[in-house]
Amino acid sequence: MGGSTLFAAPELKPKSRLTFILLGIFLGSFGVHNFYAGYTKRGIAQLCLTVLTLFYASAITWIWALVEVCTINRDRNNIGFV
């Protein structure tokens, strides 16, 4: 079969920055913006911190989400948001 490959790597499309920001603002306490960007461990950490403290730490995780929305400009695959 020569040097050809049977399976091509999937083309990764950039994600929307606006969607990332809106998810961070409205659902940031649950880490939804991180799941969207591919940062699963961060998303799980924010979700667990919010739920396991019976929402007492939701203000902390929401501020954490706002900081991420302002500082993160690439997804987990190092593709910039559009």
PDB file of N, CA and C in Angstrom:
ATOM      1  N   MET A   1       0.808  -1.204   0.000  1.00  0.00           N
ATOM      2  CA  MET A   1       0.000   0.000   0.000  1.00  0.00           C
ATOM      3  C   MET A   1       0.842   1.255   0.000  1.00  0.00           C
ATOM      4  N   GLY A   2       2.042   1.208  -0.319  1.00  0.00           N
ATOM      5  CA  GLY A   2       2.859   2.413  -0.406  1.00  0.00           C
ATOM      6  C   GLY A   2       2.941   3.142   0.915  1.00  0.00           C
ATOM      7  N   GLY A   3       2.896   4.444   0.886  1.00  0.00           N
ATOM      8  CA  GLY A   3       2.976   5.249   2.102  1.00  0.00           C
ATOM      9  C   GLY A   3       1.690   5.981   2.407  1.00  0.00           C
ATOM     10  N   SER A   4       0.601   5.606   1.737  1.00  0.00           N
ATOM     11  CA  SER A   4      -0.654   6.318   1.965  1.00  0.00           C
ATOM     12  C   SER A   4      -1.308   5.864   3.269  1.00  0.00           C
ATOM     13  N   THR A   5      -2.044   6.757   3.861  1.00  0.00           N
ATOM     14  CA  THR A   5      -2.775   6.424   5.083  1.00  0.00           C
ATOM     15  C   THR A   5      -4.245   6.234   4.746  1.00  0.00           C
ATOM     16  N   LEU A   6      -4.858   5.301   5.410  1.00  0.00           N
ATOM     17  CA  LEU A   6      -6.264   5.022   5.164  1.00  0.00           C
ATOM     18  C   LEU A   6      -7.181   5.993   5.882  1.00  0.00           C
ATOM     19  N   PHE A   7      -6.731   6.488   7.014  1.00  0.00           N
ATOM     20  CA  PHE A   7      -7.566   7.365   7.824  1.00  0.00           C
ATOM     21  C   PHE A   7      -6.899   8.721   7.956  1.00  0.00           C
ATOM     22  N   ALA A   8      -7.617   9.750   7.616  1.00  0.00           N
ATOM     23  CA  ALA A   8      -7.105  11.111   7.772  1.00  0.00           C
ATOM     24  C   ALA A   8      -7.539  11.647   9.130  1.00  0.00           C
ATOM     25  N   ALA A   9      -6.693  12.470   9.712  1.00  0.00           N
ATOM     26  CA  ALA A   9      -7.027  13.096  10.991  1.00  0.00           C
ATOM     27  C   ALA A   9      -8.194  14.054  10.770  1.00  0.00           C
ATOM     28  N   PRO A  10      -9.144  14.105  11.695  1.00  0.00           N
ATOM     29  CA  PRO A  10     -10.267  15.023  11.517  1.00  0.00           C
ATOM     30  C   PRO A  10      -9.799  16.472  11.565  1.00  0.00           C
ATOM     31  N   GLU A  11     -10.373  17.289  10.710  1.00  0.00           N
ATOM     32  CA  GLU A  11     -10.023  18.702  10.698  1.00  0.00           C
ATOM     33  C   GLU A  11     -10.709  19.383  11.868  1.00  0.00           C
ATOM     34  N   LEU A  12      -9.933  20.069  12.676  1.00  0.00           N
ATOM     35  CA  LEU A  12     -10.478  20.734  13.858  1.00  0.00           C
ATOM     36  C   LEU A  12     -10.862  22.162  13.500  1.00  0.00           C
ATOM     37  N   LYS A  13     -12.109  22.504  13.762  1.00  0.00           N
ATOM     38  CA  LYS A  13     -12.595  23.842  13.471  1.00  0.00           C
ATOM     39  C   LYS A  13     -12.451  24.724  14.704  1.00  0.00           C
ATOM     40  N   PRO A  14     -12.156  26.005  14.489  1.00  0.00           N
ATOM     41  CA  PRO A  14     -12.089  26.915  15.638  1.00  0.00           C
ATOM     42  C   PRO A  14     -13.472  27.110  16.258  1.00  0.00           C
ATOM     43  N   LYS A  15     -13.471  27.298  17.554  1.00  0.00           N
ATOM     44  CA  LYS A  15     -14.724  27.507  18.285  1.00  0.00           C
ATOM     45  C   LYS A  15     -15.003  29.003  18.409  1.00  0.00           C
ATOM     46  N   SER A  16     -16.231  29.319  18.676  1.00  0.00           N
ATOM     47  CA  SER A  16     -16.661  30.707  18.771  1.00  0.00           C
ATOM     48  C   SER A  16     -16.246  31.325  20.114  1.00  0.00           C
ATOM     49  N   ARG A  17     -15.599  32.468  20.040  1.00  0.00           N
ATOM     50  CA  ARG A  17     -15.216  33.192  21.255  1.00  0.00           C
ATOM     51  C   ARG A  17     -16.457  33.728  21.969  1.00  0.00           C
ATOM     52  N   LEU A  18     -17.423  34.194  21.199  1.00  0.00           N
ATOM     53  CA  LEU A  18     -18.653  34.726  21.796  1.00  0.00           C
ATOM     54  C   LEU A  18     -19.380  33.644  22.585  1.00  0.00           C
ATOM     55  N   THR A  19     -19.453  32.443  22.044  1.00  0.00           N
ATOM     56  CA  THR A  19     -20.091  31.339  22.762  1.00  0.00           C
ATOM     57  C   THR A  19     -19.336  31.033  24.043  1.00  0.00           C
ATOM     58  N   PHE A  20     -18.008  31.014  23.974  1.00  0.00           N
ATOM     59  CA  PHE A  20     -17.172  30.770  25.156  1.00  0.00           C
ATOM     60  C   PHE A  20     -17.441  31.814  26.231  1.00  0.00           C
ATOM     61  N   ILE A  21     -17.518  33.077  25.828  1.00  0.00           N
ATOM     62  CA  ILE A  21     -17.756  34.167  26.783  1.00  0.00           C
ATOM     63  C   ILE A  21     -19.144  34.054  27.405  1.00  0.00           C
ATOM     64  N   LEU A  22     -20.157  33.829  26.579  1.00  0.00           N
ATOM     65  CA  LEU A  22     -21.529  33.744  27.107  1.00  0.00           C
ATOM     66  C   LEU A  22     -21.697  32.543  28.035  1.00  0.00           C
ATOM     67  N   LEU A  23     -21.092  31.420  27.682  1.00  0.00           N
ATOM     68  CA  LEU A  23     -21.150  30.260  28.575  1.00  0.00           C
ATOM     69  C   LEU A  23     -20.443  30.555  29.891  1.00  0.00           C
ATOM     70  N   GLY A  24     -19.320  31.263  29.826  1.00  0.00           N
ATOM     71  CA  GLY A  24     -18.589  31.631  31.042  1.00  0.00           C
ATOM     72  C   GLY A  24     -19.372  32.564  31.936  1.00  0.00           C
ATOM     73  N   ILE A  25     -20.083  33.516  31.329  1.00  0.00           N
ATOM     74  CA  ILE A  25     -20.851  34.481  32.114  1.00  0.00           C
ATOM     75  C   ILE A  25     -22.077  33.827  32.753  1.00  0.00           C
ATOM     76  N   PHE A  26     -22.833  33.079  31.950  1.00  0.00           N
ATOM     77  CA  PHE A  26     -24.104  32.556  32.444  1.00  0.00           C
ATOM     78  C   PHE A  26     -24.012  31.186  33.114  1.00  0.00           C
ATOM     79  N   LEU A  27     -23.071  30.356  32.708  1.00  0.00           N
ATOM     80  CA  LEU A  27     -22.948  29.012  33.279  1.00  0.00           C
ATOM     81  C   LEU A  27     -21.536  28.730  33.789  1.00  0.00           C
ATOM     82  N   GLY A  28     -20.790  29.786  34.043  1.00  0.00           N
ATOM     83  CA  GLY A  28     -19.402  29.642  34.478  1.00  0.00           C
ATOM     84  C   GLY A  28     -19.233  28.918  35.795  1.00  0.00           C
ATOM     85  N   SER A  29     -20.185  29.042  36.691  1.00  0.00           N
ATOM     86  CA  SER A  29     -20.098  28.354  37.981  1.00  0.00           C
ATOM     87  C   SER A  29     -20.085  26.847  37.819  1.00  0.00           C
ATOM     88  N   PHE A  30     -20.651  26.379  36.717  1.00  0.00           N
ATOM     89  CA  PHE A  30     -20.705  24.935  36.458  1.00  0.00           C
ATOM     90  C   PHE A  30     -19.595  24.473  35.519  1.00  0.00           C
ATOM     91  N   GLY A  31     -18.744  25.394  35.066  1.00  0.00           N
ATOM     92  CA  GLY A  31     -17.614  25.037  34.217  1.00  0.00           C
ATOM     93  C   GLY A  31     -17.980  24.704  32.782  1.00  0.00           C
ATOM     94  N   VAL A  32     -19.175  25.081  32.344  1.00  0.00           N
ATOM     95  CA  VAL A  32     -19.639  24.724  31.008  1.00  0.00           C
ATOM     96  C   VAL A  32     -18.727  25.310  29.930  1.00  0.00           C
ATOM     97  N   HIS A  33     -18.210  26.515  30.130  1.00  0.00           N
ATOM     98  CA  HIS A  33     -17.324  27.125  29.147  1.00  0.00           C
ATOM     99  C   HIS A  33     -16.054  26.297  28.970  1.00  0.00           C
ATOM    100  N   ASN A  34     -15.565  25.701  30.041  1.00  0.00           N
ATOM    101  CA  ASN A  34     -14.365  24.862  29.931  1.00  0.00           C
ATOM    102  C   ASN A  34     -14.650  23.563  29.185  1.00  0.00           C
ATOM    103  N   PHE A  35     -15.814  22.973  29.414  1.00  0.00           N
ATOM    104  CA  PHE A  35     -16.187  21.787  28.644  1.00  0.00           C
ATOM    105  C   PHE A  35     -16.261  22.140  27.164  1.00  0.00           C
ATOM    106  N   TYR A  36     -16.816  23.298  26.842  1.00  0.00           N
ATOM    107  CA  TYR A  36     -16.930  23.750  25.454  1.00  0.00           C
ATOM    108  C   TYR A  36     -15.546  23.893  24.807  1.00  0.00           C
ATOM    109  N   ALA A  37     -14.588  24.419  25.554  1.00  0.00           N
ATOM    110  CA  ALA A  37     -13.249  24.641  25.010  1.00  0.00           C
ATOM    111  C   ALA A  37     -12.355  23.407  25.093  1.00  0.00           C
ATOM    112  N   GLY A  38     -12.853  22.334  25.676  1.00  0.00           N
ATOM    113  CA  GLY A  38     -12.074  21.103  25.747  1.00  0.00           C
ATOM    114  C   GLY A  38     -11.277  20.928  27.020  1.00  0.00           C
ATOM    115  N   TYR A  39     -11.370  21.859  27.949  1.00  0.00           N
ATOM    116  CA  TYR A  39     -10.653  21.762  29.215  1.00  0.00           C
ATOM    117  C   TYR A  39     -11.519  20.995  30.220  1.00  0.00           C
ATOM    118  N   THR A  40     -11.595  19.699  30.035  1.00  0.00           N
ATOM    119  CA  THR A  40     -12.514  18.861  30.806  1.00  0.00           C
ATOM    120  C   THR A  40     -12.182  18.846  32.296  1.00  0.00           C
ATOM    121  N   LYS A  41     -10.906  18.735  32.645  1.00  0.00           N
ATOM    122  CA  LYS A  41     -10.528  18.675  34.068  1.00  0.00           C
ATOM    123  C   LYS A  41     -10.900  19.959  34.799  1.00  0.00           C
ATOM    124  N   ARG A  42     -10.689  21.103  34.166  1.00  0.00           N
ATOM    125  CA  ARG A  42     -11.088  22.375  34.783  1.00  0.00           C
ATOM    126  C   ARG A  42     -12.599  22.438  34.955  1.00  0.00           C
ATOM    127  N   GLY A  43     -13.311  22.005  33.928  1.00  0.00           N
ATOM    128  CA  GLY A  43     -14.771  22.003  33.988  1.00  0.00           C
ATOM    129  C   GLY A  43     -15.294  21.128  35.110  1.00  0.00           C
ATOM    130  N   ILE A  44     -14.702  19.948  35.256  1.00  0.00           N
ATOM    131  CA  ILE A  44     -15.099  19.044  36.338  1.00  0.00           C
ATOM    132  C   ILE A  44     -14.785  19.663  37.694  1.00  0.00           C
ATOM    133  N   ALA A  45     -13.629  20.323  37.798  1.00  0.00           N
ATOM    134  CA  ALA A  45     -13.258  20.959  39.065  1.00  0.00           C
ATOM    135  C   ALA A  45     -14.257  22.046  39.442  1.00  0.00           C
ATOM    136  N   GLN A  46     -14.641  22.879  38.485  1.00  0.00           N
ATOM    137  CA  GLN A  46     -15.601  23.943  38.779  1.00  0.00           C
ATOM    138  C   GLN A  46     -16.981  23.378  39.103  1.00  0.00           C
ATOM    139  N   LEU A  47     -17.392  22.386  38.353  1.00  0.00           N
ATOM    140  CA  LEU A  47     -18.687  21.766  38.600  1.00  0.00           C
ATOM    141  C   LEU A  47     -18.735  21.124  39.979  1.00  0.00           C
ATOM    142  N   CYS A  48     -17.717  20.367  40.330  1.00  0.00           N
ATOM    143  CA  CYS A  48     -17.671  19.705  41.640  1.00  0.00           C
ATOM    144  C   CYS A  48     -17.609  20.714  42.776  1.00  0.00           C
ATOM    145  N   LEU A  49     -16.804  21.759  42.610  1.00  0.00           N
ATOM    146  CA  LEU A  49     -16.691  22.776  43.654  1.00  0.00           C
ATOM    147  C   LEU A  49     -18.042  23.444  43.900  1.00  0.00           C
ATOM    148  N   THR A  50     -18.759  23.718  42.843  1.00  0.00           N
ATOM    149  CA  THR A  50     -20.075  24.353  42.988  1.00  0.00           C
ATOM    150  C   THR A  50     -21.093  23.403  43.613  1.00  0.00           C
ATOM    151  N   VAL A  51     -21.192  22.205  43.078  1.00  0.00           N
ATOM    152  CA  VAL A  51     -22.238  21.270  43.528  1.00  0.00           C
ATOM    153  C   VAL A  51     -21.936  20.692  44.912  1.00  0.00           C
ATOM    154  N   LEU A  52     -20.690  20.300  45.149  1.00  0.00           N
ATOM    155  CA  LEU A  52     -20.353  19.657  46.420  1.00  0.00           C
ATOM    156  C   LEU A  52     -20.388  20.606  47.609  1.00  0.00           C
ATOM    157  N   THR A  53     -20.308  21.905  47.357  1.00  0.00           N
ATOM    158  CA  THR A  53     -20.438  22.873  48.458  1.00  0.00           C
ATOM    159  C   THR A  53     -21.870  23.389  48.566  1.00  0.00           C
ATOM    160  N   LEU A  54     -22.798  22.702  47.874  1.00  0.00           N
ATOM    161  CA  LEU A  54     -24.206  23.098  47.865  1.00  0.00           C
ATOM    162  C   LEU A  54     -24.377  24.550  47.418  1.00  0.00           C
ATOM    163  N   PHE A  55     -23.605  24.937  46.417  1.00  0.00           N
ATOM    164  CA  PHE A  55     -23.641  26.241  45.766  1.00  0.00           C
ATOM    165  C   PHE A  55     -23.080  27.380  46.618  1.00  0.00           C
ATOM    166  N   TYR A  56     -22.486  27.081  47.770  1.00  0.00           N
ATOM    167  CA  TYR A  56     -21.864  28.139  48.566  1.00  0.00           C
ATOM    168  C   TYR A  56     -20.624  28.700  47.889  1.00  0.00           C
ATOM    169  N   ALA A  57     -19.922  27.880  47.120  1.00  0.00           N
ATOM    170  CA  ALA A  57     -18.710  28.324  46.434  1.00  0.00           C
ATOM    171  C   ALA A  57     -18.993  28.784  45.008  1.00  0.00           C
ATOM    172  N   SER A  58     -20.255  28.924  44.648  1.00  0.00           N
ATOM    173  CA  SER A  58     -20.571  29.301  43.274  1.00  0.00           C
ATOM    174  C   SER A  58     -20.065  30.699  42.927  1.00  0.00           C
ATOM    175  N   ALA A  59     -20.015  31.588  43.884  1.00  0.00           N
ATOM    176  CA  ALA A  59     -19.474  32.929  43.621  1.00  0.00           C
ATOM    177  C   ALA A  59     -17.988  32.842  43.282  1.00  0.00           C
ATOM    178  N   ILE A  60     -17.275  31.982  43.979  1.00  0.00           N
ATOM    179  CA  ILE A  60     -15.843  31.799  43.722  1.00  0.00           C
ATOM    180  C   ILE A  60     -15.628  31.209  42.337  1.00  0.00           C
ATOM    181  N   THR A  61     -16.390  30.173  41.988  1.00  0.00           N
ATOM    182  CA  THR A  61     -16.202  29.556  40.682  1.00  0.00           C
ATOM    183  C   THR A  61     -16.677  30.476  39.559  1.00  0.00           C
ATOM    184  N   TRP A  62     -17.639  31.337  39.823  1.00  0.00           N
ATOM    185  CA  TRP A  62     -18.075  32.287  38.802  1.00  0.00           C
ATOM    186  C   TRP A  62     -16.995  33.333  38.544  1.00  0.00           C
ATOM    187  N   ILE A  63     -16.352  33.812  39.596  1.00  0.00           N
ATOM    188  CA  ILE A  63     -15.241  34.754  39.424  1.00  0.00           C
ATOM    189  C   ILE A  63     -14.088  34.068  38.687  1.00  0.00           C
ATOM    190  N   TRP A  64     -13.811  32.815  39.043  1.00  0.00           N
ATOM    191  CA  TRP A  64     -12.806  32.014  38.350  1.00  0.00           C
ATOM    192  C   TRP A  64     -13.151  31.942  36.861  1.00  0.00           C
ATOM    193  N   ALA A  65     -14.412  31.728  36.534  1.00  0.00           N
ATOM    194  CA  ALA A  65     -14.860  31.648  35.141  1.00  0.00           C
ATOM    195  C   ALA A  65     -14.667  32.986  34.427  1.00  0.00           C
ATOM    196  N   LEU A  66     -14.972  34.083  35.096  1.00  0.00           N
ATOM    197  CA  LEU A  66     -14.788  35.400  34.480  1.00  0.00           C
ATOM    198  C   LEU A  66     -13.321  35.677  34.169  1.00  0.00           C
ATOM    199  N   VAL A  67     -12.442  35.278  35.063  1.00  0.00           N
ATOM    200  CA  VAL A  67     -11.005  35.440  34.816  1.00  0.00           C
ATOM    201  C   VAL A  67     -10.594  34.616  33.599  1.00  0.00           C
ATOM    202  N   GLU A  68     -11.095  33.389  33.505  1.00  0.00           N
ATOM    203  CA  GLU A  68     -10.760  32.548  32.351  1.00  0.00           C
ATOM    204  C   GLU A  68     -11.303  33.131  31.058  1.00  0.00           C
ATOM    205  N   VAL A  69     -12.505  33.667  31.089  1.00  0.00           N
ATOM    206  CA  VAL A  69     -13.098  34.265  29.895  1.00  0.00           C
ATOM    207  C   VAL A  69     -12.238  35.425  29.400  1.00  0.00           C
ATOM    208  N   CYS A  70     -11.645  36.160  30.317  1.00  0.00           N
ATOM    209  CA  CYS A  70     -10.819  37.308  29.948  1.00  0.00           C
ATOM    210  C   CYS A  70      -9.403  36.923  29.514  1.00  0.00           C
ATOM    211  N   THR A  71      -8.919  35.770  29.953  1.00  0.00           N
ATOM    212  CA  THR A  71      -7.520  35.419  29.686  1.00  0.00           C
ATOM    213  C   THR A  71      -7.309  34.298  28.683  1.00  0.00           C
ATOM    214  N   ILE A  72      -8.261  33.412  28.519  1.00  0.00           N
ATOM    215  CA  ILE A  72      -8.080  32.271  27.613  1.00  0.00           C
ATOM    216  C   ILE A  72      -8.546  32.660  26.221  1.00  0.00           C
ATOM    217  N   ASN A  73      -7.667  32.479  25.226  1.00  0.00           N
ATOM    218  CA  ASN A  73      -8.044  32.803  23.851  1.00  0.00           C
ATOM    219  C   ASN A  73      -7.832  31.634  22.891  1.00  0.00           C
ATOM    220  N   ARG A  74      -7.532  30.449  23.447  1.00  0.00           N
ATOM    221  CA  ARG A  74      -7.348  29.252  22.630  1.00  0.00           C
ATOM    222  C   ARG A  74      -8.003  28.069  23.317  1.00  0.00           C
ATOM    223  N   ASP A  75      -8.460  27.111  22.527  1.00  0.00           N
ATOM    224  CA  ASP A  75      -9.044  25.913  23.110  1.00  0.00           C
ATOM    225  C   ASP A  75      -7.953  24.902  23.474  1.00  0.00           C
ATOM    226  N   ARG A  76      -8.355  23.737  23.932  1.00  0.00           N
ATOM    227  CA  ARG A  76      -7.404  22.721  24.373  1.00  0.00           C
ATOM    228  C   ARG A  76      -6.467  22.267  23.262  1.00  0.00           C
ATOM    229  N   ASN A  77      -6.925  22.323  22.017  1.00  0.00           N
ATOM    230  CA  ASN A  77      -6.123  21.910  20.867  1.00  0.00           C
ATOM    231  C   ASN A  77      -5.241  23.026  20.329  1.00  0.00           C
ATOM    232  N   ASN A  78      -5.131  24.112  21.079  1.00  0.00           N
ATOM    233  CA  ASN A  78      -4.317  25.280  20.740  1.00  0.00           C
ATOM    234  C   ASN A  78      -4.818  25.982  19.477  1.00  0.00           C
ATOM    235  N   ILE A  79      -6.110  25.893  19.233  1.00  0.00           N
ATOM    236  CA  ILE A  79      -6.717  26.594  18.106  1.00  0.00           C
ATOM    237  C   ILE A  79      -7.393  27.854  18.659  1.00  0.00           C
ATOM    238  N   GLY A  80      -7.061  28.999  18.092  1.00  0.00           N
ATOM    239  CA  GLY A  80      -7.624  30.258  18.565  1.00  0.00           C
ATOM    240  C   GLY A  80      -9.118  30.358  18.329  1.00  0.00           C
ATOM    241  N   PHE A  81      -9.789  31.033  19.231  1.00  0.00           N
ATOM    242  CA  PHE A  81     -11.223  31.280  19.070  1.00  0.00           C
ATOM    243  C   PHE A  81     -11.446  32.283  17.943  1.00  0.00           C
ATOM    244  N   VAL A  82     -12.592  32.174  17.296  1.00  0.00           N
ATOM    245  CA  VAL A  82     -12.933  33.141  16.239  1.00  0.00           C
ATOM    246  C   VAL A  82     -14.127  33.954  16.662  1.00  0.00           C
TER     247      VAL A  82
END
